[in-house]
N, C-alpha and C. Protein backbone atom coordinates (compact mmCIF):
# COMPACT_ATOMS: atom_id res chain seq x y z
N MET A 1 -21.08 75.30 29.78
CA MET A 1 -21.52 74.95 31.12
C MET A 1 -22.84 74.19 31.03
N LEU A 2 -22.99 73.17 31.87
CA LEU A 2 -24.20 72.36 31.86
C LEU A 2 -25.36 73.11 32.49
N PRO A 3 -26.56 72.94 31.91
CA PRO A 3 -27.74 73.56 32.51
C PRO A 3 -28.00 73.00 33.91
N LYS A 4 -28.56 73.82 34.76
CA LYS A 4 -28.83 73.41 36.14
C LYS A 4 -29.77 72.21 36.22
N THR A 5 -30.72 72.12 35.29
CA THR A 5 -31.66 70.99 35.32
C THR A 5 -30.94 69.68 35.01
N LEU A 6 -29.98 69.72 34.10
CA LEU A 6 -29.21 68.52 33.78
C LEU A 6 -28.36 68.09 34.97
N ILE A 7 -27.75 69.03 35.62
CA ILE A 7 -26.94 68.73 36.80
C ILE A 7 -27.83 68.15 37.90
N ALA A 8 -29.00 68.74 38.10
CA ALA A 8 -29.93 68.24 39.12
C ALA A 8 -30.41 66.83 38.77
N ALA A 9 -30.69 66.58 37.51
CA ALA A 9 -31.15 65.26 37.08
C ALA A 9 -30.04 64.22 37.29
N LEU A 10 -28.82 64.55 36.94
CA LEU A 10 -27.70 63.63 37.14
C LEU A 10 -27.48 63.35 38.62
N ALA A 11 -27.62 64.36 39.45
CA ALA A 11 -27.46 64.17 40.90
C ALA A 11 -28.55 63.25 41.44
N ALA A 12 -29.79 63.45 40.97
CA ALA A 12 -30.91 62.61 41.44
C ALA A 12 -30.72 61.16 41.02
N VAL A 13 -30.31 60.95 39.78
CA VAL A 13 -30.10 59.58 39.29
C VAL A 13 -28.97 58.92 40.07
N THR A 14 -27.92 59.64 40.34
CA THR A 14 -26.80 59.10 41.08
C THR A 14 -27.21 58.72 42.50
N LEU A 15 -28.02 59.55 43.14
CA LEU A 15 -28.45 59.26 44.50
C LEU A 15 -29.45 58.11 44.57
N LEU A 16 -30.28 57.95 43.55
CA LEU A 16 -31.32 56.92 43.56
C LEU A 16 -30.86 55.59 42.97
N ALA A 17 -29.73 55.59 42.31
CA ALA A 17 -29.25 54.36 41.70
C ALA A 17 -28.62 53.46 42.77
N GLY A 18 -28.72 52.21 42.54
CA GLY A 18 -28.12 51.24 43.46
C GLY A 18 -28.39 49.85 42.93
N CYS A 19 -27.60 48.92 43.36
CA CYS A 19 -27.85 47.55 42.95
C CYS A 19 -27.47 46.61 44.09
N VAL A 20 -28.06 45.44 44.03
CA VAL A 20 -27.76 44.42 45.02
C VAL A 20 -27.68 43.08 44.31
N HIS A 21 -26.72 42.28 44.69
CA HIS A 21 -26.61 40.91 44.20
C HIS A 21 -25.97 40.10 45.33
N LYS A 22 -26.78 39.33 45.98
CA LYS A 22 -26.32 38.50 47.09
C LYS A 22 -26.81 37.08 46.86
N GLN A 23 -26.01 36.13 47.29
CA GLN A 23 -26.43 34.74 47.24
C GLN A 23 -25.74 33.98 48.36
N ALA A 24 -26.49 33.14 49.05
CA ALA A 24 -25.93 32.33 50.13
C ALA A 24 -26.53 30.93 50.05
N PHE A 25 -25.70 29.96 50.34
CA PHE A 25 -26.15 28.58 50.44
C PHE A 25 -26.08 28.17 51.90
N LEU A 26 -27.11 27.48 52.34
CA LEU A 26 -27.18 27.02 53.72
C LEU A 26 -27.40 25.51 53.72
N THR A 27 -26.97 24.87 54.78
CA THR A 27 -27.14 23.43 54.91
C THR A 27 -27.58 23.10 56.33
N ASN A 28 -28.22 21.94 56.47
CA ASN A 28 -28.63 21.52 57.82
C ASN A 28 -27.94 20.20 58.17
N SER A 29 -28.24 19.69 59.34
CA SER A 29 -27.56 18.49 59.83
C SER A 29 -27.91 17.22 59.06
N THR A 30 -29.02 17.24 58.33
CA THR A 30 -29.40 16.06 57.55
C THR A 30 -28.94 16.13 56.10
N GLY A 31 -28.18 17.19 55.76
CA GLY A 31 -27.67 17.33 54.40
C GLY A 31 -28.56 18.16 53.48
N GLY A 32 -29.63 18.72 54.02
CA GLY A 32 -30.50 19.57 53.21
C GLY A 32 -29.77 20.85 52.82
N ILE A 33 -30.04 21.32 51.63
CA ILE A 33 -29.41 22.54 51.13
C ILE A 33 -30.49 23.55 50.77
N ALA A 34 -30.27 24.80 51.15
CA ALA A 34 -31.19 25.89 50.81
C ALA A 34 -30.36 27.03 50.22
N SER A 35 -31.00 27.84 49.41
CA SER A 35 -30.34 28.98 48.79
C SER A 35 -31.19 30.22 48.97
N CYS A 36 -30.55 31.30 49.35
CA CYS A 36 -31.20 32.61 49.42
C CYS A 36 -30.44 33.54 48.48
N SER A 37 -31.17 34.30 47.67
CA SER A 37 -30.50 35.22 46.77
C SER A 37 -31.32 36.48 46.59
N ALA A 38 -30.63 37.54 46.18
CA ALA A 38 -31.28 38.82 45.92
C ALA A 38 -30.56 39.50 44.77
N LYS A 39 -31.33 39.98 43.82
CA LYS A 39 -30.78 40.71 42.68
C LYS A 39 -31.72 41.86 42.37
N GLY A 40 -31.20 43.05 42.20
CA GLY A 40 -32.05 44.18 41.87
C GLY A 40 -31.22 45.40 41.53
N PHE A 41 -31.82 46.31 40.78
CA PHE A 41 -31.17 47.56 40.41
C PHE A 41 -32.15 48.69 40.65
N GLY A 42 -31.70 49.71 41.30
CA GLY A 42 -32.54 50.85 41.62
C GLY A 42 -32.87 50.85 43.10
N LEU A 43 -33.30 51.97 43.61
CA LEU A 43 -33.51 52.13 45.04
C LEU A 43 -34.62 51.23 45.58
N VAL A 44 -35.78 51.22 44.94
CA VAL A 44 -36.91 50.43 45.45
C VAL A 44 -36.62 48.93 45.34
N PRO A 45 -36.19 48.42 44.19
CA PRO A 45 -35.85 47.00 44.13
C PRO A 45 -34.74 46.63 45.12
N LEU A 46 -33.79 47.52 45.33
CA LEU A 46 -32.71 47.26 46.27
C LEU A 46 -33.28 47.02 47.66
N ILE A 47 -34.19 47.86 48.11
CA ILE A 47 -34.79 47.72 49.44
C ILE A 47 -35.63 46.45 49.51
N LEU A 48 -36.45 46.20 48.50
CA LEU A 48 -37.32 45.02 48.50
C LEU A 48 -36.51 43.72 48.47
N GLU A 49 -35.51 43.66 47.63
CA GLU A 49 -34.70 42.44 47.51
C GLU A 49 -33.87 42.20 48.77
N GLU A 50 -33.34 43.27 49.35
CA GLU A 50 -32.57 43.13 50.58
C GLU A 50 -33.45 42.57 51.70
N THR A 51 -34.67 43.06 51.78
CA THR A 51 -35.61 42.57 52.80
C THR A 51 -35.96 41.11 52.55
N SER A 52 -36.21 40.76 51.31
CA SER A 52 -36.54 39.38 50.94
C SER A 52 -35.38 38.44 51.28
N TYR A 53 -34.16 38.85 51.00
CA TYR A 53 -32.98 38.05 51.30
C TYR A 53 -32.85 37.84 52.80
N ASP A 54 -32.99 38.91 53.56
CA ASP A 54 -32.88 38.81 55.03
C ASP A 54 -33.96 37.89 55.60
N ASP A 55 -35.18 38.00 55.08
CA ASP A 55 -36.28 37.13 55.53
C ASP A 55 -35.96 35.66 55.24
N CYS A 56 -35.42 35.39 54.07
CA CYS A 56 -35.06 34.03 53.67
C CYS A 56 -34.00 33.47 54.61
N MET A 57 -32.97 34.27 54.87
CA MET A 57 -31.90 33.82 55.76
C MET A 57 -32.43 33.55 57.17
N GLN A 58 -33.27 34.43 57.68
CA GLN A 58 -33.83 34.24 59.02
C GLN A 58 -34.69 32.99 59.09
N PHE A 59 -35.48 32.74 58.04
CA PHE A 59 -36.35 31.56 58.00
C PHE A 59 -35.53 30.28 58.10
N TYR A 60 -34.52 30.16 57.25
CA TYR A 60 -33.73 28.92 57.24
C TYR A 60 -32.89 28.77 58.50
N ARG A 61 -32.34 29.86 59.00
CA ARG A 61 -31.57 29.76 60.25
C ARG A 61 -32.46 29.34 61.42
N ALA A 62 -33.71 29.80 61.43
CA ALA A 62 -34.65 29.42 62.47
C ALA A 62 -35.00 27.93 62.39
N HIS A 63 -34.80 27.34 61.20
CA HIS A 63 -35.10 25.92 61.00
C HIS A 63 -33.83 25.06 61.00
N GLY A 64 -32.76 25.55 61.62
CA GLY A 64 -31.57 24.74 61.82
C GLY A 64 -30.52 24.78 60.73
N TYR A 65 -30.68 25.63 59.74
CA TYR A 65 -29.69 25.72 58.68
C TYR A 65 -28.57 26.67 59.09
N VAL A 66 -27.37 26.40 58.61
CA VAL A 66 -26.21 27.27 58.82
C VAL A 66 -25.56 27.54 57.47
N ASP A 67 -24.72 28.58 57.42
CA ASP A 67 -24.01 28.88 56.17
C ASP A 67 -23.19 27.67 55.74
N ALA A 68 -23.31 27.31 54.48
CA ALA A 68 -22.63 26.10 53.97
C ALA A 68 -21.12 26.23 54.10
N ALA A 69 -20.57 27.39 53.85
CA ALA A 69 -19.13 27.56 53.96
C ALA A 69 -18.66 27.40 55.40
N ALA A 70 -19.43 27.89 56.35
CA ALA A 70 -19.06 27.79 57.76
C ALA A 70 -19.17 26.36 58.27
N SER A 71 -20.06 25.58 57.67
CA SER A 71 -20.27 24.20 58.13
C SER A 71 -19.26 23.23 57.55
N GLY A 72 -18.44 23.71 56.62
CA GLY A 72 -17.46 22.84 55.98
C GLY A 72 -18.01 22.13 54.75
N TYR A 73 -19.27 22.42 54.39
CA TYR A 73 -19.87 21.79 53.22
C TYR A 73 -19.23 22.29 51.94
N ALA A 74 -19.07 23.61 51.82
CA ALA A 74 -18.48 24.20 50.62
C ALA A 74 -16.98 24.40 50.84
N LYS A 75 -16.20 23.91 49.93
CA LYS A 75 -14.75 24.06 50.06
C LYS A 75 -14.18 24.76 48.86
C-alpha cells in the first residue's frame, strides 16, 4: 500500500498541473497580420499565459483585426 504522503503528493501534483498552448492569427482590412499565442505548463504559467493571450486578442480586435480564418484569409 502506498504511504499517505505519497498519495497526497500525487494528488497535489495532479491538481496543480496544467498546460496551455493557444495560437491565433488575425488580419485587418489593409492586409496586416497579427499573431497571439500562449504556451505554458503548470498552474501559475497557465494563468499568466492565458491572461496574456486574452489581452493580445482584445488589443488587436480593438484595432480592427478579426480572426484570419473567419475573414477568409486562411484556407
